[in-house]
Amino acid sequence: MTKTIHQRPSICNLIHAPISINAGIPAIREAMQRANVVHEIHIYPGADHAFFNDTGQRYTPAAARAAWERTTTWFQRYLKS
């Protein structure tokens, strides 16, 4: 399998939970830096999968607000025409 990192800005909003992706975050960060990809990785302690879904039991308001703020700021910075 070939792994490709595109030269596009990337933002990751991740939960802080004992799942397999968390172990790979340092490698992801390193690969992005090596490839000179503009990126941000945010981890939300106490948040679980679907933390942004305000209709579900796992909704985490503080994490959802922070992720939304970061994402919309990111879009303004990198996607605004």
Protein backbone atom coordinates (compact mmCIF):
# COMPACT_ATOMS: atom_id res chain seq x y z
CA MET A 1 0.00 0.00 0.00
CA THR A 2 1.33 3.43 -0.95
CA LYS A 3 0.76 6.27 1.47
CA THR A 4 0.33 9.73 0.00
CA ILE A 5 0.27 13.02 1.85
CA HIS A 6 -1.21 15.80 -0.21
CA GLN A 7 0.04 19.35 0.09
CA ARG A 8 -3.30 20.63 1.36
CA PRO A 9 -3.86 22.23 4.75
CA SER A 10 -5.37 19.72 7.18
CA ILE A 11 -7.12 20.03 10.52
CA CYS A 12 -7.83 17.07 12.80
CA ASN A 13 -10.26 17.24 15.72
CA LEU A 14 -9.74 14.03 17.68
CA ILE A 15 -11.11 12.56 20.86
CA HIS A 16 -8.83 11.63 23.72
CA ALA A 17 -9.70 8.00 24.27
CA PRO A 18 -7.84 4.71 24.45
CA ILE A 19 -8.35 3.91 20.77
CA SER A 20 -5.77 2.86 18.22
CA ILE A 21 -5.59 6.17 16.35
CA ASN A 22 -4.22 8.02 19.38
CA ALA A 23 -1.11 5.85 19.33
CA GLY A 24 -0.50 6.92 15.73
CA ILE A 25 -0.78 10.68 16.30
CA PRO A 26 2.97 11.28 16.71
CA ALA A 27 3.65 9.47 13.42
CA ILE A 28 0.91 11.44 11.67
CA ARG A 29 2.30 14.71 13.00
CA GLU A 30 5.85 13.76 11.96
CA ALA A 31 4.75 12.74 8.44
CA MET A 32 2.86 16.01 8.00
CA GLN A 33 5.88 18.01 9.14
CA ARG A 34 8.24 16.07 6.85
CA ALA A 35 5.94 16.72 3.91
CA ASN A 36 5.64 20.42 4.82
CA VAL A 37 1.86 20.16 5.14
CA VAL A 38 0.22 22.95 7.09
CA HIS A 39 -1.70 21.15 9.80
CA GLU A 40 -3.24 21.30 13.24
CA ILE A 41 -4.12 18.36 15.44
CA HIS A 42 -6.42 18.99 18.39
CA ILE A 43 -7.27 16.40 21.02
CA TYR A 44 -10.25 16.92 23.30
CA PRO A 45 -9.81 15.28 26.72
CA GLY A 46 -13.03 13.85 28.08
CA ALA A 47 -14.66 13.77 24.65
CA ASP A 48 -15.81 10.54 23.06
CA HIS A 49 -16.84 9.49 19.56
CA ALA A 50 -19.68 11.72 18.28
CA PHE A 51 -18.83 14.47 20.79
CA PHE A 52 -20.13 17.03 18.29
CA ASN A 53 -23.58 15.44 17.90
CA ASP A 54 -25.84 17.55 20.08
CA THR A 55 -28.67 15.02 19.80
CA GLY A 56 -26.68 12.15 21.30
CA GLN A 57 -25.60 11.02 24.74
CA ARG A 58 -21.90 11.61 24.00
CA TYR A 59 -22.32 15.29 23.19
CA THR A 60 -19.59 17.31 24.91
CA PRO A 61 -20.52 21.00 24.64
CA ALA A 62 -17.13 22.54 25.50
CA ALA A 63 -15.25 20.27 23.09
CA ALA A 64 -17.87 20.78 20.37
CA ARG A 65 -17.64 24.57 20.70
CA ALA A 66 -13.83 24.50 20.63
CA ALA A 67 -13.76 22.17 17.60
CA TRP A 68 -16.31 24.31 15.76
CA GLU A 69 -14.39 27.52 16.49
CA ARG A 70 -11.10 25.98 15.35
CA THR A 71 -12.65 24.47 12.23
CA THR A 72 -14.43 27.64 11.11
CA THR A 73 -11.28 29.69 11.75
CA TRP A 74 -9.34 27.13 9.70
CA PHE A 75 -11.85 27.39 6.85
CA GLN A 76 -11.65 31.19 6.92
CA ARG A 77 -7.86 31.05 6.77
CA TYR A 78 -7.38 28.36 4.11
CA LEU A 79 -10.60 28.05 2.11
CA LYS A 80 -11.86 31.62 1.86
CA SER A 81 -11.75 32.79 -1.73
